[in-house]
C-alpha atoms as a PDB file:
ATOM      1  CA  MET A   1     -16.161 -11.381 -14.157  1.00  0.00           C
ATOM      2  CA  ARG A   2     -15.473  -7.675 -13.613  1.00  0.00           C
ATOM      3  CA  TRP A   3     -19.123  -7.066 -12.723  1.00  0.00           C
ATOM      4  CA  LEU A   4     -18.903  -9.836 -10.144  1.00  0.00           C
ATOM      5  CA  ALA A   5     -15.875  -8.119  -8.557  1.00  0.00           C
ATOM      6  CA  ILE A   6     -17.735  -4.801  -8.450  1.00  0.00           C
ATOM      7  CA  LEU A   7     -20.835  -6.416  -6.922  1.00  0.00           C
ATOM      8  CA  LEU A   8     -18.681  -8.237  -4.362  1.00  0.00           C
ATOM      9  CA  SER A   9     -16.823  -5.040  -3.440  1.00  0.00           C
ATOM     10  CA  LEU A  10     -20.058  -3.119  -2.939  1.00  0.00           C
ATOM     11  CA  THR A  11     -21.415  -5.917  -0.775  1.00  0.00           C
ATOM     12  CA  LEU A  12     -18.274  -6.330   1.356  1.00  0.00           C
ATOM     13  CA  PHE A  13     -17.022  -2.774   1.587  1.00  0.00           C
ATOM     14  CA  GLY A  14     -20.093  -0.564   1.155  1.00  0.00           C
ATOM     15  CA  ALA A  15     -21.299   1.859  -1.478  1.00  0.00           C
ATOM     16  CA  GLY A  16     -18.165   4.057  -1.186  1.00  0.00           C
ATOM     17  CA  ALA A  17     -15.993   1.245  -2.511  1.00  0.00           C
ATOM     18  CA  TYR A  18     -15.472   0.331  -6.128  1.00  0.00           C
ATOM     19  CA  ALA A  19     -13.321  -2.041  -8.156  1.00  0.00           C
ATOM     20  CA  GLU A  20     -11.004  -0.874 -10.887  1.00  0.00           C
ATOM     21  CA  GLN A  21      -8.050  -2.355 -12.741  1.00  0.00           C
ATOM     22  CA  VAL A  22      -4.458  -1.422 -11.893  1.00  0.00           C
ATOM     23  CA  ARG A  23      -2.361  -0.376 -14.870  1.00  0.00           C
ATOM     24  CA  TYR A  24       1.057   0.285 -13.311  1.00  0.00           C
ATOM     25  CA  VAL A  25       2.789   0.046  -9.920  1.00  0.00           C
ATOM     26  CA  ILE A  26       5.101   2.997  -9.163  1.00  0.00           C
ATOM     27  CA  ASP A  27       6.559   1.781  -5.864  1.00  0.00           C
ATOM     28  CA  GLY A  28       5.553  -0.179  -2.775  1.00  0.00           C
ATOM     29  CA  ASP A  29       2.676   2.115  -1.804  1.00  0.00           C
ATOM     30  CA  THR A  30       1.623   3.944  -4.992  1.00  0.00           C
ATOM     31  CA  PHE A  31       0.064   2.784  -8.252  1.00  0.00           C
ATOM     32  CA  ILE A  32      -1.831   4.009 -11.312  1.00  0.00           C
ATOM     33  CA  MET A  33      -5.338   2.826 -12.161  1.00  0.00           C
ATOM     34  CA  SER A  34      -6.728   2.128 -15.633  1.00  0.00           C
ATOM     35  CA  ASP A  35      -8.301   5.630 -15.652  1.00  0.00           C
ATOM     36  CA  ASP A  36      -4.788   7.152 -15.094  1.00  0.00           C
ATOM     37  CA  SER A  37      -5.580   8.232 -11.533  1.00  0.00           C
ATOM     38  CA  ARG A  38      -2.841   7.722  -8.960  1.00  0.00           C
ATOM     39  CA  VAL A  39      -3.515   5.941  -5.684  1.00  0.00           C
ATOM     40  CA  ARG A  40      -1.463   6.110  -2.474  1.00  0.00           C
ATOM     41  CA  LEU A  41      -2.141   3.279  -0.033  1.00  0.00           C
ATOM     42  CA  ALA A  42      -3.567   4.693   3.203  1.00  0.00           C
ATOM     43  CA  GLY A  43      -1.899   4.172   6.560  1.00  0.00           C
ATOM     44  CA  ILE A  44       1.380   2.604   5.439  1.00  0.00           C
ATOM     45  CA  ASP A  45       4.746   3.774   4.193  1.00  0.00           C
ATOM     46  CA  ALA A  46       6.880   1.508   2.007  1.00  0.00           C
ATOM     47  CA  PRO A  47      10.643   1.926   1.636  1.00  0.00           C
ATOM     48  CA  GLU A  48      11.766   4.226  -1.159  1.00  0.00           C
ATOM     49  CA  LEU A  49      13.036   2.427  -4.261  1.00  0.00           C
ATOM     50  CA  SER A  50      16.584   3.551  -3.375  1.00  0.00           C
ATOM     51  CA  GLN A  51      16.316   1.983   0.110  1.00  0.00           C
ATOM     52  CA  PRO A  52      16.825  -1.649   1.083  1.00  0.00           C
ATOM     53  CA  TYR A  53      13.578  -3.567   0.444  1.00  0.00           C
ATOM     54  CA  GLY A  54      12.175  -0.755  -1.720  1.00  0.00           C
ATOM     55  CA  PRO A  55      12.446  -2.772  -4.952  1.00  0.00           C
ATOM     56  CA  GLU A  56      11.139  -5.894  -3.164  1.00  0.00           C
ATOM     57  CA  SER A  57       8.148  -3.952  -1.863  1.00  0.00           C
ATOM     58  CA  LYS A  58       7.326  -2.723  -5.369  1.00  0.00           C
ATOM     59  CA  ALA A  59       7.747  -6.210  -6.851  1.00  0.00           C
ATOM     60  CA  TYR A  60       5.452  -7.750  -4.245  1.00  0.00           C
ATOM     61  CA  LEU A  61       2.783  -5.099  -4.807  1.00  0.00           C
ATOM     62  CA  GLU A  62       3.055  -5.699  -8.575  1.00  0.00           C
ATOM     63  CA  LYS A  63       2.547  -9.416  -7.998  1.00  0.00           C
ATOM     64  CA  LEU A  64      -0.562  -8.715  -5.914  1.00  0.00           C
ATOM     65  CA  ILE A  65      -2.318  -6.116  -8.070  1.00  0.00           C
ATOM     66  CA  SER A  66      -0.914  -5.516 -11.574  1.00  0.00           C
ATOM     67  CA  GLY A  67      -3.589  -6.008 -14.204  1.00  0.00           C
ATOM     68  CA  ARG A  68      -6.139  -7.042 -11.590  1.00  0.00           C
ATOM     69  CA  ASP A  69      -9.330  -5.478 -10.333  1.00  0.00           C
ATOM     70  CA  VAL A  70      -8.622  -3.847  -6.990  1.00  0.00           C
ATOM     71  CA  THR A  71     -11.360  -2.717  -4.628  1.00  0.00           C
ATOM     72  CA  LEU A  72     -10.650   0.797  -3.387  1.00  0.00           C
ATOM     73  CA  GLN A  73     -12.073   2.576  -0.364  1.00  0.00           C
ATOM     74  CA  CYS A  74     -11.031   6.193  -0.763  1.00  0.00           C
ATOM     75  CA  ASN A  75     -11.618   8.796   1.915  1.00  0.00           C
ATOM     76  CA  GLY A  76     -11.610  11.830  -0.391  1.00  0.00           C
ATOM     77  CA  GLU A  77      -8.150  12.968   0.717  1.00  0.00           C
ATOM     78  CA  MET A  78      -5.387  13.717  -1.773  1.00  0.00           C
ATOM     79  CA  SER A  79      -1.612  13.781  -1.334  1.00  0.00           C
ATOM     80  CA  TYR A  80       0.705  14.917  -4.143  1.00  0.00           C
ATOM     81  CA  ASN A  81      -2.113  14.440  -6.665  1.00  0.00           C
ATOM     82  CA  ARG A  82      -2.800  10.890  -5.433  1.00  0.00           C
ATOM     83  CA  ARG A  83      -6.043   9.578  -3.965  1.00  0.00           C
ATOM     84  CA  ILE A  84      -5.531   8.139  -0.472  1.00  0.00           C
ATOM     85  CA  CYS A  85      -7.252   4.743  -0.408  1.00  0.00           C
ATOM     86  CA  ASN A  86      -7.458   1.391   1.297  1.00  0.00           C
ATOM     87  CA  ALA A  87      -7.092  -1.376  -1.268  1.00  0.00           C
ATOM     88  CA  PHE A  88      -8.217  -4.991  -1.405  1.00  0.00           C
ATOM     89  CA  VAL A  89      -7.808  -7.879  -3.852  1.00  0.00           C
ATOM     90  CA  ASN A  90     -10.314 -10.699  -3.404  1.00  0.00           C
ATOM     91  CA  GLY A  91     -10.881  -9.484   0.166  1.00  0.00           C
ATOM     92  CA  LEU A  92      -7.144  -9.369   1.024  1.00  0.00           C
ATOM     93  CA  ASP A  93      -6.164  -6.134   2.806  1.00  0.00           C
ATOM     94  CA  ILE A  94      -3.161  -5.121   0.708  1.00  0.00           C
ATOM     95  CA  GLN A  95      -1.743  -2.727   3.296  1.00  0.00           C
ATOM     96  CA  ARG A  96      -1.887  -5.307   6.097  1.00  0.00           C
ATOM     97  CA  ASP A  97      -0.230  -7.873   3.816  1.00  0.00           C
ATOM     98  CA  LEU A  98       2.655  -5.543   2.876  1.00  0.00           C
ATOM     99  CA  VAL A  99       3.253  -4.617   6.521  1.00  0.00           C
ATOM    100  CA  GLY A 100       3.014  -8.251   7.651  1.00  0.00           C
ATOM    101  CA  TRP A 101       5.702  -9.292   5.164  1.00  0.00           C
ATOM    102  CA  GLY A 102       7.994  -6.488   6.323  1.00  0.00           C
ATOM    103  CA  LEU A 103       7.663  -4.634   3.024  1.00  0.00           C
ATOM    104  CA  ALA A 104       6.028  -1.522   4.496  1.00  0.00           C
ATOM    105  CA  PHE A 105       5.653   0.176   7.863  1.00  0.00           C
ATOM    106  CA  ASP A 106       2.501   0.993   9.781  1.00  0.00           C
ATOM    107  CA  TYR A 107       2.331   4.788   9.365  1.00  0.00           C
ATOM    108  CA  ALA A 108       0.660   5.196  12.765  1.00  0.00           C
ATOM    109  CA  GLN A 109       0.375   8.969  12.368  1.00  0.00           C
ATOM    110  CA  TYR A 110      -2.188   8.277   9.612  1.00  0.00           C
ATOM    111  CA  SER A 111      -3.377   4.722  10.343  1.00  0.00           C
ATOM    112  CA  HIS A 112      -3.941   5.247  14.076  1.00  0.00           C
ATOM    113  CA  GLY A 113      -2.036   1.988  14.571  1.00  0.00           C
ATOM    114  CA  ILE A 114      -4.416  -0.262  12.647  1.00  0.00           C
ATOM    115  CA  TYR A 115      -1.495  -2.215  11.148  1.00  0.00           C
ATOM    116  CA  ARG A 116       0.523  -2.357  14.389  1.00  0.00           C
ATOM    117  CA  SER A 117      -0.141  -6.056  15.006  1.00  0.00           C
ATOM    118  CA  ALA A 118       1.038  -6.925  11.469  1.00  0.00           C
ATOM    119  CA  GLU A 119       4.139  -4.801  12.019  1.00  0.00           C
ATOM    120  CA  ASP A 120       4.839  -6.446  15.380  1.00  0.00           C
ATOM    121  CA  PHE A 121       4.573  -9.857  13.716  1.00  0.00           C
ATOM    122  CA  ALA A 122       6.972  -8.887  10.911  1.00  0.00           C
ATOM    123  CA  CYS A 123       9.398  -7.483  13.490  1.00  0.00           C
ATOM    124  CA  ARG A 124       9.309 -10.660  15.615  1.00  0.00           C
ATOM    125  CA  MET A 125       9.883 -12.786  12.510  1.00  0.00           C
ATOM    126  CA  LYS A 126      12.612 -10.387  11.245  1.00  0.00           C
ATOM    127  CA  ARG A 127      10.900 -10.117   7.888  1.00  0.00           C
ATOM    128  CA  GLY A 128      11.986  -7.629   5.233  1.00  0.00           C
ATOM    129  CA  VAL A 129      12.746  -4.202   6.668  1.00  0.00           C
ATOM    130  CA  TRP A 130      12.955  -5.718  10.136  1.00  0.00           C
ATOM    131  CA  SER A 131      16.077  -7.635   9.158  1.00  0.00           C
ATOM    132  CA  GLY A 132      17.824  -4.256   8.826  1.00  0.00           C
ATOM    133  CA  GLY A 133      16.783  -0.957   7.323  1.00  0.00           C
ATOM    134  CA  MET A 134      15.462   2.510   7.998  1.00  0.00           C
ATOM    135  CA  ARG A 135      11.933   3.862   8.168  1.00  0.00           C
ATOM    136  CA  PRO A 136      11.082   5.718   4.939  1.00  0.00           C
ATOM    137  CA  TRP A 137      10.226   8.989   6.693  1.00  0.00           C
ATOM    138  CA  ASP A 138      13.648   8.960   8.426  1.00  0.00           C
ATOM    139  CA  TYR A 139      15.325   8.162   5.091  1.00  0.00           C
ATOM    140  CA  ARG A 140      13.556  11.054   3.313  1.00  0.00           C
ATOM    141  CA  HIS A 141      14.520  13.413   6.148  1.00  0.00           C
ATOM    142  CA  ARG A 142      18.171  12.320   5.935  1.00  0.00           C
ATOM    143  CA  MET A 143      18.182  12.812   2.145  1.00  0.00           C
ATOM    144  CA  LYS A 144      16.841  16.390   2.550  1.00  0.00           C
ATOM    145  CA  GLU A 145      19.584  17.164   5.070  1.00  0.00           C
ATOM    146  CA  LYS A 146      22.267  16.037   2.593  1.00  0.00           C
ATOM    147  CA  ARG A 147      21.097  18.547  -0.043  1.00  0.00           C
END
C-alpha cells in the first residue's frame, strides 16, 4: 500500500514529491515525520496553541495526517530547522483544507495569495478563527511586546 502511495504521489506531484508517514503533530502547521524531520506547512499560519482555535487546528491536522502517508512537495527552504513543504493526503491539499475550515490563515507574504479564496470562504461562513480571533503573526508580535 505504501508503494502505491509513493507511485501515486510521483505521478500526481512530480519527481520532487515523495510520501512519508507522519509520526507526531506539533501544532496546526508543523509536524514530525517518521524519519524525525520537522515539516512546516508552506503558505499558511495556524493559530498558536495558546490562541483561540489553536488546539482545534492541531486536532484537525492530527485527524488528517497522524500515522498516515503524506505526500510532501518541499522547496528546499528551511525555517527554524523545519522543512517548508506543501502537503497532501490522498490528493487533498492540507493547507487549503485548514484555511477553508478557518483553522489557519493564508500567509500571503509566503503563499502569494494562493489560499485567499479558501480564506474568503471561511470568513464568509464565519468558520473557526473568523468567528473571532487574532492572526498568529499579530499574536506573536503582541506577546513579544509584553516581555
